[in-house]
Amino acid sequence: MNEEKKLINKIQKLKKKMYKLIDEKSILVDTEVVKISQEIDSLLNKYQQLK
């Protein structure tokens, strides 16, 4: 699997995890939600650099 596909898969998994946390906690500024969101941002930046 190439690097782009790995990043996309990881981003998708983290998004699902983040959405689940939001549903459970109903708080967008929860520490865990923010941490995952920041990780997704970082991965998206890496993905953009590969393009």
C-alpha atoms as a PDB file:
ATOM      1  CA  MET A   1       0.000   0.000   0.000  1.00  0.00           C
ATOM      2  CA  ASN A   2       1.422   3.352  -0.927  1.00  0.00           C
ATOM      3  CA  GLU A   3       1.891   6.275   1.435  1.00  0.00           C
ATOM      4  CA  GLU A   4      -1.166   8.204   0.205  1.00  0.00           C
ATOM      5  CA  LYS A   5      -3.496   5.273   0.789  1.00  0.00           C
ATOM      6  CA  LYS A   6      -2.039   4.677   4.251  1.00  0.00           C
ATOM      7  CA  LEU A   7      -2.653   8.304   5.166  1.00  0.00           C
ATOM      8  CA  ILE A   8      -6.196   8.240   3.804  1.00  0.00           C
ATOM      9  CA  ASN A   9      -6.992   5.071   5.764  1.00  0.00           C
ATOM     10  CA  LYS A  10      -5.593   6.504   8.977  1.00  0.00           C
ATOM     11  CA  ILE A  11      -7.499   9.765   8.471  1.00  0.00           C
ATOM     12  CA  GLN A  12     -10.746   7.878   7.898  1.00  0.00           C
ATOM     13  CA  LYS A  13     -10.253   5.750  11.028  1.00  0.00           C
ATOM     14  CA  LEU A  14      -9.503   8.800  13.148  1.00  0.00           C
ATOM     15  CA  LYS A  15     -12.540  10.645  11.780  1.00  0.00           C
ATOM     16  CA  LYS A  16     -14.790   7.739  12.746  1.00  0.00           C
ATOM     17  CA  LYS A  17     -13.244   7.672  16.215  1.00  0.00           C
ATOM     18  CA  MET A  18     -13.690  11.431  16.576  1.00  0.00           C
ATOM     19  CA  TYR A  19     -17.346  11.332  15.444  1.00  0.00           C
ATOM     20  CA  LYS A  20     -18.038   8.512  17.881  1.00  0.00           C
ATOM     21  CA  LEU A  21     -16.525  10.530  20.732  1.00  0.00           C
ATOM     22  CA  ILE A  22     -18.574  13.569  19.763  1.00  0.00           C
ATOM     23  CA  ASP A  23     -21.745  11.460  19.769  1.00  0.00           C
ATOM     24  CA  GLU A  24     -20.878  10.016  23.163  1.00  0.00           C
ATOM     25  CA  LYS A  25     -19.778  13.215  24.867  1.00  0.00           C
ATOM     26  CA  SER A  26     -21.695  15.843  22.873  1.00  0.00           C
ATOM     27  CA  ILE A  27     -18.824  18.261  23.518  1.00  0.00           C
ATOM     28  CA  LEU A  28     -16.763  19.457  20.567  1.00  0.00           C
ATOM     29  CA  VAL A  29     -14.080  20.974  22.773  1.00  0.00           C
ATOM     30  CA  ASP A  30     -13.448  17.810  24.754  1.00  0.00           C
ATOM     31  CA  THR A  31      -9.704  17.244  25.150  1.00  0.00           C
ATOM     32  CA  GLU A  32      -9.804  13.877  23.387  1.00  0.00           C
ATOM     33  CA  VAL A  33     -11.842  15.230  20.464  1.00  0.00           C
ATOM     34  CA  VAL A  34      -9.481  18.179  20.018  1.00  0.00           C
ATOM     35  CA  LYS A  35      -6.436  15.909  20.153  1.00  0.00           C
ATOM     36  CA  ILE A  36      -7.824  13.628  17.450  1.00  0.00           C
ATOM     37  CA  SER A  37      -8.831  16.618  15.349  1.00  0.00           C
ATOM     38  CA  GLN A  38      -5.298  17.991  15.552  1.00  0.00           C
ATOM     39  CA  GLU A  39      -3.884  14.624  14.548  1.00  0.00           C
ATOM     40  CA  ILE A  40      -6.230  14.547  11.545  1.00  0.00           C
ATOM     41  CA  ASP A  41      -5.079  18.057  10.592  1.00  0.00           C
ATOM     42  CA  SER A  42      -1.477  16.956  10.737  1.00  0.00           C
ATOM     43  CA  LEU A  43      -2.158  13.913   8.568  1.00  0.00           C
ATOM     44  CA  LEU A  44      -4.083  16.025   6.080  1.00  0.00           C
ATOM     45  CA  ASN A  45      -1.111  18.367   5.821  1.00  0.00           C
ATOM     46  CA  LYS A  46       1.177  15.426   5.138  1.00  0.00           C
ATOM     47  CA  TYR A  47      -1.229  14.138   2.524  1.00  0.00           C
ATOM     48  CA  GLN A  48      -1.296  17.531   0.794  1.00  0.00           C
ATOM     49  CA  GLN A  49       2.499  17.597   0.689  1.00  0.00           C
ATOM     50  CA  LEU A  50       2.489  14.278  -1.151  1.00  0.00           C
ATOM     51  CA  LYS A  51       0.260  15.672  -3.889  1.00  0.00           C
END
